[in-house]
Amino acid sequence: MRKSLSILLTAALLASCGPKDGEYVLHVLSTNDVHGCWFDSSYVDGTPKKSLMAMSRTIDSVRTVAGAENVVLVDAGDCLQGDNATYYYNYVDTLSEHLFPRLVSYMKYDAVAVGNHDIETGHPVYDRVTADLARAHSEFLGGNAVRTSDGKPYFQLYKTIRRGGMKIAILGYTNANIKAWLDESLWRGMDFVPIRDIIQRDVDEVRRKERPDVVIATMHSACGRGDGAILEAEALDAFNSVRGVDFLVCGHDHAPVVQARDTSALLNSGSHARYVAHGTLHISRKGGKVTAKSFDAELIPIRAEAVDTAMRAAFRKEFEAVRKFTLTEVGILNSDLVTRDAFAGMCPYINLIHALSLTATGADVSMAAPLTYNGKVASGVLRFNDLFTIYPFENQLFTVEMSGEEICRYLEVSYDRWVRTIASPSDHILRIQQSDDPRTQQRGWSFENRFYNFDSAGGICYTVDVTKPFGDRVDISTLAGGEAFDPARKYTVAMTSYRACGGGNILLEAGIEPPVTGRYPEVRNLLYDYLMENGSIDPETTGAPGLVGRWRFIPEELAGPAMRRDLALMFGE
């Protein structure tokens, strides 16, 4: 009798802790792919920038109107890479508490999903940040990153919170395709399970165990097509199929999108602090049950000038530390580097990357793509800040072994993403389309494909005939030094760790699985070392034909006018 009474009392207590009958409104705010846009102004000239500090003001305004007790704030990953500040706190100041968890704590994030670029920082960085976030009660979530030792999640799978009288479970996942982009040294001890294989099981188990009123799943995975075909883009797959998730927060593709249905909402804020995604859930309860649910979703634009001034003041010392470091003089640049010139052919910017890759590794051939869409580094004094424009990612440099025939196939795939077959100077030579690109904020005309997969080669001499179809465009004649190029010979090829591990799928589409023969420091570090040794960058040296070779689009009478017109459409000049 006493045991039965205890059970009844426990049941009554649990019931009393749940929502009472009435109307409830829950607001879910989400960010993703902020990529280190933490501070609100440029380190060089103080120009306002969209940032977490501007996001904080928007988030606080929603909390003020809706009531902080009714607001949940989550992030979908890629937090620890992309800006001078992330580099500084990842690799320079490693003794202080990492800045990112402190920002997260200030803004009162409830949870943060792990992104692939977060893993790219390496175990020492993300393990440290994971511990700091846990102390701030804004856990790093990544339930599909499992330990190879026991199959259990390396990061936390979920957490529960209470808002507006409701119990809320937040599940988190990272990108399942990480092994295709990053060297094993960065994720050693982990495997990455496709989200679609486990999310329904996880949701069902969390609902059974925690009995939440609301479930949020935040994942660093792109929307995709919803057909289950793209491992790095599983968000729409989950949104279309998983039962029991109220809000699905996603990212990775940098494309802002929100969608509300009768039973759930999808939130993707894009990237680089341009928007906050805002989802609203209206719940009616009667007789202890949910009798009605409805969802709304919107994107809230962020204004760079509208800043949380208290947050700015709170982290001013940290801003000044980053600024001082990144304004350190590192050498001299003898002529301008303009990144968009790489889309038209050989240029000092890409020649520099090829020269670094070839000299650091002794490779025969280098593969490199433009990684900054439309940047310029002016001639004169170079500061560390400029190195982020020249090379924005923490990619290691690898060497692989490829035959001459494989090199040709590789280039055919790369150029097919880049250019079309044309018959007239009035044809579009670049693969561009008349539509806005939310990833680059390019208005009017944009590339059909990701520009950071437009690899050209250094160390060889070749032409790309734009009158010929895919498979027949690339003609390689010699190595840079004049030696005949042999399709049957094995060559050492330098490329980024991202590319060598399969990033961009160029190797996959070319049907090549080259063995890795060497691993070298990150490309930006190689650039810094070059400046420390040589003092300056002289395009005549880094672009010497005997080092980087030469290549061009032919026939010039067609390719030249077509390229100039397309670039004018893209960049307005």
Protein backbone atom coordinates (compact mmCIF):
# COMPACT_ATOMS: atom_id res chain seq x y z
CA MET A 1 0.00 0.00 0.00
CA ARG A 2 2.85 2.35 0.94
CA LYS A 3 4.66 1.54 -2.36
CA SER A 4 1.51 2.21 -4.41
CA LEU A 5 0.97 5.52 -2.64
CA SER A 6 4.58 6.51 -3.39
CA ILE A 7 4.11 5.75 -7.09
CA LEU A 8 0.92 7.83 -7.20
CA LEU A 9 2.58 10.76 -5.46
CA THR A 10 5.54 10.63 -7.87
CA ALA A 11 3.22 10.56 -10.85
CA ALA A 12 1.28 13.51 -9.50
CA LEU A 13 4.49 15.46 -8.92
CA LEU A 14 5.70 14.80 -12.47
CA ALA A 15 2.34 15.89 -13.86
CA SER A 16 2.42 19.10 -11.87
CA CYS A 17 5.88 19.91 -13.31
CA GLY A 18 4.54 19.75 -16.86
CA PRO A 19 2.74 22.53 -18.69
CA LYS A 20 -0.70 23.42 -17.45
CA ASP A 21 -3.64 23.87 -19.77
CA GLY A 22 -3.47 27.10 -21.73
CA GLU A 23 -1.68 28.85 -24.59
CA TYR A 24 2.11 28.74 -24.93
CA VAL A 25 4.50 30.47 -27.31
CA LEU A 26 8.13 29.37 -27.72
CA HIS A 27 10.68 31.33 -29.75
CA VAL A 28 13.72 29.53 -31.21
CA LEU A 29 16.57 31.70 -32.44
CA SER A 30 19.40 30.14 -34.40
CA THR A 31 22.75 31.06 -35.88
CA ASN A 32 25.22 29.02 -37.90
CA ASP A 33 28.46 29.28 -39.86
CA VAL A 34 29.44 32.50 -38.12
CA HIS A 35 33.07 31.62 -38.97
CA GLY A 36 34.66 33.81 -36.36
CA CYS A 37 32.70 37.01 -37.07
CA TRP A 38 32.85 37.83 -33.39
CA PHE A 39 33.89 41.49 -33.34
CA ASP A 40 31.92 44.34 -34.83
CA SER A 41 34.68 46.23 -36.64
CA SER A 42 37.65 45.69 -38.93
CA TYR A 43 41.02 45.23 -37.27
CA VAL A 44 42.61 47.56 -39.84
CA ASP A 45 40.37 50.60 -40.24
CA GLY A 46 37.44 50.11 -37.86
CA THR A 47 34.89 49.55 -40.65
CA PRO A 48 31.68 48.11 -39.12
CA LYS A 49 31.22 44.37 -39.67
CA LYS A 50 28.28 42.06 -39.13
CA SER A 51 29.12 40.08 -36.06
CA LEU A 52 28.00 38.22 -32.96
CA MET A 53 27.88 41.60 -31.29
CA ALA A 54 25.25 42.80 -33.74
CA MET A 55 23.44 39.45 -33.48
CA SER A 56 23.42 39.85 -29.71
CA ARG A 57 21.45 43.07 -29.96
CA THR A 58 18.86 41.43 -32.22
CA ILE A 59 18.61 38.40 -29.96
CA ASP A 60 18.17 40.56 -26.89
CA SER A 61 15.40 42.51 -28.62
CA VAL A 62 13.48 39.28 -29.19
CA ARG A 63 14.04 38.27 -25.57
CA THR A 64 12.77 41.66 -24.42
CA VAL A 65 9.57 41.42 -26.44
CA ALA A 66 8.87 37.71 -25.98
CA GLY A 67 10.29 37.28 -22.49
CA ALA A 68 13.67 35.61 -22.02
CA GLU A 69 11.94 32.64 -20.38
CA ASN A 70 10.26 31.90 -23.72
CA VAL A 71 13.37 32.01 -25.94
CA VAL A 72 15.85 29.26 -26.91
CA LEU A 73 19.14 30.11 -28.66
CA VAL A 74 21.15 27.49 -30.55
CA ASP A 75 23.95 27.41 -33.13
CA ALA A 76 24.54 24.88 -35.93
CA GLY A 77 28.33 24.96 -36.03
CA ASP A 78 31.46 26.24 -37.80
CA CYS A 79 32.29 28.62 -35.01
CA LEU A 80 36.05 28.21 -34.57
CA GLN A 81 37.46 29.07 -38.01
CA GLY A 82 37.40 31.90 -40.51
CA ASP A 83 38.68 35.06 -38.86
CA ASN A 84 41.78 36.51 -37.25
CA ALA A 85 40.14 36.14 -33.84
CA THR A 86 39.57 32.41 -34.20
CA TYR A 87 43.17 31.90 -35.31
CA TYR A 88 44.49 33.94 -32.40
CA TYR A 89 42.57 32.07 -29.72
CA ASN A 90 43.04 28.68 -31.39
CA TYR A 91 46.80 28.82 -31.91
CA VAL A 92 48.41 31.95 -30.49
CA ASP A 93 46.90 32.59 -27.04
CA THR A 94 46.41 29.02 -25.88
CA LEU A 95 46.79 29.79 -22.17
CA SER A 96 43.77 32.04 -21.63
CA GLU A 97 40.26 30.63 -21.56
CA HIS A 98 39.23 30.37 -25.19
CA LEU A 99 37.21 33.42 -26.22
CA PHE A 100 34.42 31.57 -28.02
CA PRO A 101 32.90 29.89 -24.92
CA ARG A 102 32.98 33.26 -23.16
CA LEU A 103 31.05 34.88 -26.01
CA VAL A 104 28.58 31.99 -25.98
CA SER A 105 28.11 32.38 -22.24
CA TYR A 106 27.58 36.13 -22.57
CA MET A 107 24.90 35.65 -25.26
CA LYS A 108 23.29 32.79 -23.28
CA TYR A 109 23.38 30.15 -26.01
CA ASP A 110 21.69 26.95 -24.92
CA ALA A 111 23.68 24.62 -27.20
CA VAL A 112 26.11 24.60 -30.13
CA ALA A 113 26.46 21.86 -32.74
CA VAL A 114 29.95 20.85 -33.85
CA GLY A 115 30.87 21.88 -37.41
CA ASN A 116 33.42 20.36 -39.76
CA HIS A 117 35.57 23.50 -39.53
CA ASP A 118 35.44 23.15 -35.75
CA ILE A 119 36.94 19.67 -36.11
CA GLU A 120 39.47 21.12 -38.56
CA THR A 121 41.08 23.07 -35.71
CA GLY A 122 42.39 19.79 -34.23
CA HIS A 123 41.97 17.93 -30.97
CA PRO A 124 43.85 20.43 -28.75
CA VAL A 125 41.50 23.24 -29.80
CA TYR A 126 38.08 21.61 -29.90
CA ASP A 127 38.71 19.44 -26.86
CA ARG A 128 39.59 22.60 -24.93
CA VAL A 129 36.54 24.44 -26.25
CA THR A 130 34.29 21.47 -25.45
CA ALA A 131 35.35 21.60 -21.80
CA ASP A 132 34.95 25.39 -21.64
CA LEU A 133 31.47 25.23 -23.21
CA ALA A 134 30.38 22.57 -20.72
CA ARG A 135 31.40 24.84 -17.86
CA ALA A 136 29.33 27.61 -19.49
CA HIS A 137 26.34 25.23 -19.78
CA SER A 138 26.22 25.74 -23.56
CA GLU A 139 27.39 22.30 -24.56
CA PHE A 140 29.07 21.28 -27.84
CA LEU A 141 26.69 18.67 -29.32
CA GLY A 142 27.62 16.06 -31.93
CA GLY A 143 25.94 12.74 -31.33
CA ASN A 144 26.99 11.15 -34.64
CA ALA A 145 30.71 11.66 -33.93
CA VAL A 146 31.34 8.35 -32.17
CA ARG A 147 34.43 7.01 -30.48
CA THR A 148 36.13 4.21 -32.37
CA SER A 149 36.97 2.60 -29.03
CA ASP A 150 33.42 2.00 -27.81
CA GLY A 151 30.96 3.48 -30.33
CA LYS A 152 29.71 6.08 -27.85
CA PRO A 153 29.34 9.77 -28.79
CA TYR A 154 32.60 11.72 -28.53
CA PHE A 155 30.56 14.87 -27.95
CA GLN A 156 27.29 15.13 -26.04
CA LEU A 157 24.21 13.95 -27.96
CA TYR A 158 21.60 16.12 -26.26
CA LYS A 159 20.70 18.32 -23.35
CA THR A 160 17.42 19.39 -21.76
CA ILE A 161 16.36 22.84 -20.65
CA ARG A 162 13.13 24.49 -19.45
CA ARG A 163 11.54 27.48 -21.10
CA GLY A 164 8.09 28.95 -20.72
CA GLY A 165 6.96 26.14 -18.44
CA MET A 166 7.97 23.49 -21.00
CA LYS A 167 10.73 20.89 -21.05
CA ILE A 168 12.83 21.13 -24.20
CA ALA A 169 15.31 18.58 -25.52
CA ILE A 170 18.06 19.79 -27.88
CA LEU A 171 19.87 17.15 -29.95
CA GLY A 172 23.00 17.97 -31.93
CA TYR A 173 24.89 16.44 -34.86
CA THR A 174 27.97 17.26 -36.89
CA ASN A 175 28.58 16.73 -40.60
CA ALA A 176 28.82 13.08 -41.54
CA ASN A 177 31.23 13.73 -44.43
CA ILE A 178 34.15 15.03 -42.34
CA LYS A 179 36.44 12.10 -43.17
CA ALA A 180 36.26 13.07 -46.85
CA TRP A 181 37.69 16.54 -46.14
CA LEU A 182 40.05 16.35 -43.19
CA ASP A 183 43.18 14.37 -42.45
CA GLU A 184 42.76 11.66 -39.83
CA SER A 185 45.16 13.43 -37.47
CA LEU A 186 42.44 16.03 -36.88
CA TRP A 187 39.70 13.57 -35.91
CA ARG A 188 41.67 10.55 -34.72
CA GLY A 189 39.64 8.34 -32.40
CA MET A 190 36.32 9.20 -34.03
CA ASP A 191 34.04 7.96 -36.76
CA PHE A 192 31.15 9.90 -38.25
CA VAL A 193 27.80 8.19 -38.68
CA PRO A 194 25.29 9.42 -41.29
CA ILE A 195 22.68 11.45 -39.44
CA ARG A 196 19.86 9.69 -41.28
CA ASP A 197 20.97 6.35 -39.81
CA ILE A 198 20.51 7.36 -36.18
CA ILE A 199 18.41 10.49 -35.76
CA GLN A 200 15.00 8.79 -35.56
CA ARG A 201 16.36 6.31 -33.02
CA ASP A 202 17.88 9.14 -31.00
CA VAL A 203 14.72 11.25 -31.07
CA ASP A 204 12.57 8.29 -30.02
CA GLU A 205 14.96 7.42 -27.19
CA VAL A 206 15.18 11.01 -25.90
CA ARG A 207 11.41 11.37 -26.04
CA ARG A 208 10.99 8.10 -24.14
CA LYS A 209 13.61 8.95 -21.53
CA GLU A 210 13.06 12.69 -21.02
CA ARG A 211 9.41 13.14 -22.10
CA PRO A 212 10.07 16.64 -23.48
CA ASP A 213 7.32 18.96 -24.62
CA VAL A 214 9.46 20.27 -27.50
CA VAL A 215 12.35 18.72 -29.44
CA ILE A 216 14.97 20.74 -31.32
CA ALA A 217 17.58 19.06 -33.55
CA THR A 218 20.54 21.23 -34.54
CA MET A 219 22.91 19.83 -37.16
CA HIS A 220 25.86 21.06 -39.14
CA SER A 221 24.55 19.64 -42.37
CA ALA A 222 23.37 21.41 -45.50
CA CYS A 223 19.77 21.37 -46.65
CA GLY A 224 20.44 19.31 -49.78
CA ARG A 225 17.72 18.05 -52.10
CA GLY A 226 15.89 15.86 -49.60
CA ASP A 227 16.58 12.71 -51.61
CA GLY A 228 19.15 11.13 -49.29
CA ALA A 229 21.87 11.28 -51.95
CA ILE A 230 24.30 13.81 -50.45
CA LEU A 231 26.08 12.81 -47.25
CA GLU A 232 27.10 16.38 -46.37
CA ALA A 233 23.55 17.65 -46.92
CA GLU A 234 21.09 15.70 -44.76
CA ALA A 235 18.92 18.45 -43.28
CA LEU A 236 16.00 18.20 -45.70
CA ASP A 237 16.24 14.41 -45.50
CA ALA A 238 15.62 14.67 -41.76
CA PHE A 239 13.05 17.45 -42.05
CA ASN A 240 10.99 15.38 -44.47
CA SER A 241 11.14 12.09 -42.63
CA VAL A 242 11.93 12.29 -38.92
CA ARG A 243 8.98 12.16 -36.54
CA GLY A 244 8.94 14.03 -33.26
CA VAL A 245 11.22 16.99 -34.10
CA ASP A 246 9.61 20.40 -33.76
CA PHE A 247 12.53 22.56 -34.94
CA LEU A 248 15.32 21.43 -37.22
CA VAL A 249 18.25 23.87 -37.23
CA CYS A 250 20.89 23.37 -39.93
CA GLY A 251 23.85 25.00 -41.66
CA HIS A 252 27.03 24.30 -43.63
CA ASP A 253 25.83 25.48 -47.06
CA HIS A 254 25.80 29.22 -46.15
CA ALA A 255 22.40 29.55 -47.84
CA PRO A 256 19.82 31.22 -45.58
CA VAL A 257 16.42 29.55 -45.65
CA VAL A 258 13.48 29.07 -43.30
CA GLN A 259 10.41 26.92 -43.75
CA ALA A 260 7.37 26.40 -41.53
CA ARG A 261 4.98 23.47 -41.79
CA ASP A 262 1.98 22.40 -39.75
CA THR A 263 4.13 20.07 -37.64
CA SER A 264 7.64 21.57 -37.65
CA ALA A 265 9.95 24.34 -38.85
CA LEU A 266 13.39 24.40 -40.50
CA LEU A 267 15.87 27.19 -39.68
CA ASN A 268 19.13 28.02 -41.50
CA SER A 269 20.50 31.52 -40.91
CA GLY A 270 23.05 31.38 -43.73
CA SER A 271 26.52 32.46 -42.64
CA HIS A 272 28.85 35.18 -41.40
CA ALA A 273 26.32 36.84 -39.06
CA ARG A 274 24.11 38.10 -41.88
CA TYR A 275 20.83 36.82 -40.37
CA VAL A 276 19.35 35.34 -37.25
CA ALA A 277 16.77 32.66 -37.99
CA HIS A 278 13.63 32.93 -35.86
CA GLY A 279 11.09 30.18 -35.41
CA THR A 280 7.90 30.47 -33.36
CA LEU A 281 5.83 27.63 -31.93
CA HIS A 282 2.28 28.21 -30.70
CA ILE A 283 0.88 25.44 -28.51
CA SER A 284 -2.61 24.99 -27.09
CA ARG A 285 -3.09 22.53 -24.22
CA LYS A 286 -6.36 21.26 -22.82
CA GLY A 287 -7.04 18.36 -20.51
CA GLY A 288 -3.32 17.82 -20.12
CA LYS A 289 -2.85 17.26 -23.86
CA VAL A 290 -1.68 19.33 -26.81
CA THR A 291 -4.77 20.20 -28.82
CA ALA A 292 -3.18 22.48 -31.42
CA LYS A 293 0.27 23.44 -32.74
CA SER A 294 1.35 25.97 -35.32
CA PHE A 295 4.72 27.20 -36.55
CA ASP A 296 6.08 30.40 -38.06
CA ALA A 297 9.60 31.11 -39.35
CA GLU A 298 11.49 34.16 -40.56
CA LEU A 299 14.97 35.49 -41.23
CA ILE A 300 15.93 38.62 -39.29
CA PRO A 301 18.55 40.69 -41.18
CA ILE A 302 21.50 41.89 -39.13
CA ARG A 303 22.76 45.47 -39.37
CA ALA A 304 26.47 45.88 -38.73
CA GLU A 305 25.99 49.22 -36.99
CA ALA A 306 23.30 48.02 -34.56
CA VAL A 307 25.56 46.55 -31.90
CA ASP A 308 25.26 45.35 -28.32
CA THR A 309 27.46 48.11 -26.94
CA ALA A 310 27.77 46.45 -23.53
CA MET A 311 29.10 43.31 -25.22
CA ARG A 312 31.54 45.40 -27.24
CA ALA A 313 32.84 47.01 -24.06
CA ALA A 314 33.03 43.68 -22.23
CA PHE A 315 35.33 42.18 -24.85
CA ARG A 316 37.30 45.26 -25.92
CA LYS A 317 40.52 43.97 -24.37
CA GLU A 318 40.25 40.77 -26.41
CA PHE A 319 39.59 42.73 -29.60
CA GLU A 320 42.68 44.83 -29.02
CA ALA A 321 44.79 41.72 -28.43
CA VAL A 322 43.69 40.24 -31.76
CA ARG A 323 44.12 43.57 -33.50
CA LYS A 324 47.65 44.04 -32.20
CA PHE A 325 48.66 40.56 -33.31
CA THR A 326 47.14 40.73 -36.78
CA LEU A 327 48.55 44.20 -37.54
CA THR A 328 52.09 42.92 -36.98
CA GLU A 329 54.24 43.65 -40.03
CA VAL A 330 55.45 40.48 -41.73
CA GLY A 331 57.03 41.69 -44.97
CA ILE A 332 56.64 43.62 -48.19
CA LEU A 333 54.40 42.98 -51.21
CA ASN A 334 55.86 44.36 -54.43
CA SER A 335 52.60 44.52 -56.42
CA ASP A 336 48.88 44.10 -55.80
CA LEU A 337 47.28 40.67 -55.38
CA VAL A 338 43.69 40.56 -56.67
CA THR A 339 41.96 37.27 -55.97
CA ARG A 340 39.25 37.46 -58.62
CA ASP A 341 41.95 37.57 -61.33
CA ALA A 342 42.30 33.83 -60.75
CA PHE A 343 39.00 33.20 -62.54
CA ALA A 344 40.47 34.53 -65.81
CA GLY A 345 43.74 32.59 -65.83
CA MET A 346 47.23 32.80 -64.40
CA CYS A 347 47.70 35.67 -61.98
CA PRO A 348 50.10 36.73 -59.21
CA TYR A 349 47.69 35.56 -56.49
CA ILE A 350 47.42 31.92 -57.58
CA ASN A 351 51.04 31.88 -58.78
CA LEU A 352 52.03 32.66 -55.19
CA ILE A 353 50.11 29.64 -53.83
CA HIS A 354 51.61 27.39 -56.51
CA ALA A 355 55.11 28.70 -55.78
CA LEU A 356 54.73 28.08 -52.03
CA SER A 357 53.40 24.58 -52.64
CA LEU A 358 56.12 23.60 -55.10
CA THR A 359 59.05 25.01 -53.13
CA ALA A 360 57.89 23.69 -49.74
CA THR A 361 57.38 20.14 -51.00
CA GLY A 362 59.67 19.74 -54.00
CA ALA A 363 56.63 18.46 -55.91
CA ASP A 364 56.51 18.30 -59.69
CA VAL A 365 53.00 19.76 -59.91
CA SER A 366 50.77 21.90 -57.70
CA MET A 367 46.97 22.11 -57.67
CA ALA A 368 45.36 25.21 -56.17
CA ALA A 369 42.09 27.13 -56.31
CA PRO A 370 41.12 30.71 -55.36
CA LEU A 371 39.86 30.63 -51.77
CA THR A 372 38.91 34.30 -51.49
CA TYR A 373 36.09 35.36 -53.80
CA ASN A 374 36.85 39.03 -54.31
CA GLY A 375 39.72 40.28 -52.20
CA LYS A 376 42.66 42.59 -52.76
CA VAL A 377 45.96 42.98 -50.97
CA ALA A 378 47.61 46.23 -51.98
CA SER A 379 51.33 46.50 -52.59
CA GLY A 380 53.40 47.82 -49.73
CA VAL A 381 53.79 46.67 -46.14
CA LEU A 382 52.21 43.29 -45.46
CA ARG A 383 50.63 42.61 -42.10
CA PHE A 384 49.57 39.28 -40.67
CA ASN A 385 46.00 40.39 -41.34
CA ASP A 386 46.70 40.30 -45.09
CA LEU A 387 47.63 36.63 -44.90
CA PHE A 388 44.01 35.82 -44.07
CA THR A 389 42.92 37.45 -47.34
CA ILE A 390 45.54 35.53 -49.29
CA TYR A 391 44.76 32.25 -47.54
CA PRO A 392 41.66 32.20 -45.30
CA PHE A 393 41.63 28.52 -44.30
CA GLU A 394 43.79 26.37 -42.02
CA ASN A 395 44.47 23.78 -44.73
CA GLN A 396 47.55 21.61 -44.45
CA LEU A 397 49.59 20.98 -47.58
CA PHE A 398 49.84 17.37 -48.75
CA THR A 399 51.61 15.62 -51.58
CA VAL A 400 50.08 12.71 -53.48
CA GLU A 401 51.26 10.51 -56.32
CA MET A 402 49.45 10.76 -59.66
CA SER A 403 50.22 9.69 -63.19
CA GLY A 404 50.40 12.23 -65.97
CA GLU A 405 47.17 10.85 -67.38
CA GLU A 406 45.47 11.26 -63.98
CA ILE A 407 46.68 14.86 -63.73
CA CYS A 408 45.08 15.57 -67.09
CA ARG A 409 41.80 13.92 -66.01
CA TYR A 410 41.84 15.89 -62.76
CA LEU A 411 42.21 19.18 -64.63
CA GLU A 412 39.45 18.24 -67.07
CA VAL A 413 37.04 17.82 -64.14
CA SER A 414 38.14 21.09 -62.53
CA TYR A 415 37.83 23.18 -65.67
CA ASP A 416 34.46 21.65 -66.53
CA ARG A 417 33.11 23.19 -63.31
CA TRP A 418 34.70 26.48 -64.24
CA VAL A 419 34.14 27.10 -67.98
CA ARG A 420 31.80 26.17 -70.82
CA THR A 421 32.44 25.09 -74.38
CA ILE A 422 31.93 28.18 -76.55
CA ALA A 423 31.76 28.92 -80.27
CA SER A 424 31.68 32.72 -80.23
CA PRO A 425 33.15 35.61 -78.23
CA SER A 426 29.57 36.52 -77.31
CA ASP A 427 29.02 33.19 -75.50
CA HIS A 428 29.38 32.86 -71.73
CA ILE A 429 32.75 31.27 -71.10
CA LEU A 430 32.36 31.09 -67.32
CA ARG A 431 29.75 28.81 -65.82
CA ILE A 432 27.66 31.63 -64.42
CA GLN A 433 23.96 32.13 -63.98
CA GLN A 434 21.74 35.13 -63.52
CA SER A 435 20.66 34.59 -59.94
CA ASP A 436 21.64 35.87 -56.53
CA ASP A 437 24.14 33.80 -54.57
CA PRO A 438 23.29 33.94 -50.84
CA ARG A 439 26.65 32.36 -49.98
CA THR A 440 28.73 35.23 -51.37
CA GLN A 441 26.03 37.94 -51.30
CA GLN A 442 26.69 38.32 -55.03
CA ARG A 443 23.71 39.98 -56.71
CA GLY A 444 22.72 39.45 -60.33
CA TRP A 445 25.26 36.96 -61.66
CA SER A 446 26.94 34.15 -59.74
CA PHE A 447 28.92 30.98 -60.36
CA GLU A 448 26.96 27.78 -60.85
CA ASN A 449 29.58 25.87 -58.87
CA ARG A 450 31.75 26.59 -55.83
CA PHE A 451 34.65 28.79 -56.92
CA TYR A 452 36.98 27.25 -54.34
CA ASN A 453 36.93 24.08 -56.44
CA PHE A 454 38.36 25.80 -59.55
CA ASP A 455 41.80 24.20 -59.42
CA SER A 456 44.53 25.18 -61.84
CA ALA A 457 47.95 23.57 -62.00
CA GLY A 458 51.41 24.96 -61.36
CA GLY A 459 54.67 23.33 -62.41
CA ILE A 460 53.48 22.41 -65.91
CA CYS A 461 52.76 24.14 -69.22
CA TYR A 462 49.34 23.57 -70.75
CA THR A 463 46.38 25.07 -72.55
CA VAL A 464 42.62 24.83 -72.00
CA ASP A 465 40.74 24.91 -75.31
CA VAL A 466 37.28 26.34 -74.64
CA THR A 467 35.99 25.32 -78.08
CA LYS A 468 36.34 21.65 -77.18
CA PRO A 469 34.08 19.50 -74.97
CA PHE A 470 34.80 18.08 -71.57
CA GLY A 471 37.54 15.49 -71.80
CA ASP A 472 39.36 17.15 -74.69
CA ARG A 473 40.09 20.64 -73.37
CA VAL A 474 43.37 20.23 -71.47
CA ASP A 475 46.61 19.76 -73.41
CA ILE A 476 49.75 19.45 -71.27
CA SER A 477 53.03 19.87 -73.14
CA THR A 478 55.93 20.07 -70.69
CA LEU A 479 56.96 20.50 -67.10
CA ALA A 480 57.86 24.03 -66.04
CA GLY A 481 61.54 23.30 -66.62
CA GLY A 482 60.95 22.21 -70.21
CA GLU A 483 61.01 18.43 -69.77
CA ALA A 484 58.38 16.62 -71.81
CA PHE A 485 55.22 15.70 -69.90
CA ASP A 486 54.64 11.93 -69.88
CA PRO A 487 51.07 10.63 -69.33
CA ALA A 488 52.47 7.30 -68.12
CA ARG A 489 54.95 8.70 -65.61
CA LYS A 490 54.21 9.08 -61.90
CA TYR A 491 54.46 12.63 -60.57
CA THR A 492 54.42 14.12 -57.09
CA VAL A 493 51.50 16.54 -56.83
CA ALA A 494 51.02 19.13 -54.07
CA MET A 495 47.46 19.95 -52.99
CA THR A 496 45.63 20.91 -49.81
CA SER A 497 44.67 18.33 -47.22
CA TYR A 498 41.04 19.19 -48.01
CA ARG A 499 41.50 18.25 -51.64
CA ALA A 500 43.70 15.20 -51.00
CA CYS A 501 41.10 13.81 -48.58
CA GLY A 502 38.42 14.13 -51.27
CA GLY A 503 37.06 17.64 -50.63
CA GLY A 504 35.21 19.05 -53.60
CA ASN A 505 34.92 15.58 -55.16
CA ILE A 506 37.35 16.39 -57.97
CA LEU A 507 39.38 13.25 -57.31
CA LEU A 508 36.19 11.20 -57.03
CA GLU A 509 34.75 12.49 -60.31
CA ALA A 510 38.09 11.92 -62.04
CA GLY A 511 38.19 8.35 -60.73
CA ILE A 512 41.49 8.88 -58.91
CA GLU A 513 42.51 7.53 -55.49
CA PRO A 514 46.07 8.82 -55.10
CA PRO A 515 48.23 7.71 -52.18
CA VAL A 516 49.35 10.48 -49.82
CA THR A 517 53.14 10.70 -49.86
CA GLY A 518 53.79 13.71 -47.65
CA ARG A 519 52.25 16.03 -45.06
CA TYR A 520 53.38 19.61 -44.52
CA PRO A 521 52.34 22.60 -42.37
CA GLU A 522 49.30 24.73 -43.08
CA VAL A 523 49.58 26.85 -46.22
CA ARG A 524 49.24 30.16 -44.36
CA ASN A 525 52.09 29.13 -42.09
CA LEU A 526 54.20 28.30 -45.14
CA LEU A 527 53.44 31.78 -46.46
CA TYR A 528 54.51 33.32 -43.15
CA ASP A 529 57.73 31.26 -43.15
CA TYR A 530 58.43 32.38 -46.73
CA LEU A 531 58.14 36.02 -45.67
CA MET A 532 60.36 35.50 -42.64
CA GLU A 533 63.01 34.00 -44.90
CA ASN A 534 62.71 36.30 -47.93
CA GLY A 535 61.25 39.51 -46.51
CA SER A 536 59.03 40.20 -49.50
CA ILE A 537 56.80 38.73 -52.17
CA ASP A 538 57.90 39.57 -55.69
CA PRO A 539 55.41 38.33 -58.33
CA GLU A 540 58.25 38.04 -60.83
CA THR A 541 59.90 35.49 -58.54
CA THR A 542 56.78 33.60 -57.41
CA GLY A 543 55.42 33.67 -60.96
CA ALA A 544 58.62 32.62 -62.73
CA PRO A 545 57.72 30.30 -65.63
CA GLY A 546 60.58 27.99 -64.71
CA LEU A 547 58.88 27.40 -61.36
CA VAL A 548 55.10 27.62 -61.83
CA GLY A 549 54.97 26.93 -65.59
CA ARG A 550 52.30 28.62 -67.67
CA TRP A 551 48.76 27.97 -68.84
CA ARG A 552 46.06 29.86 -70.72
CA PHE A 553 42.61 29.60 -72.22
CA ILE A 554 42.63 29.25 -76.01
CA PRO A 555 41.79 30.38 -78.62
CA GLU A 556 42.54 33.84 -77.28
CA GLU A 557 40.36 35.62 -79.85
CA LEU A 558 37.31 33.82 -78.39
CA ALA A 559 38.31 33.30 -74.76
CA GLY A 560 39.63 36.80 -74.13
CA PRO A 561 36.55 38.88 -75.02
CA ALA A 562 34.16 36.31 -73.53
CA MET A 563 36.10 36.29 -70.24
CA ARG A 564 36.24 40.07 -69.98
CA ARG A 565 32.50 40.36 -70.53
CA ASP A 566 31.63 37.63 -68.00
CA LEU A 567 33.88 39.12 -65.34
CA ALA A 568 32.23 42.49 -65.91
CA LEU A 569 28.84 40.86 -65.34
CA MET A 570 30.10 39.23 -62.15
CA PHE A 571 31.99 42.13 -60.63
CA GLY A 572 30.55 45.19 -62.32
CA GLU A 573 33.70 46.37 -64.01
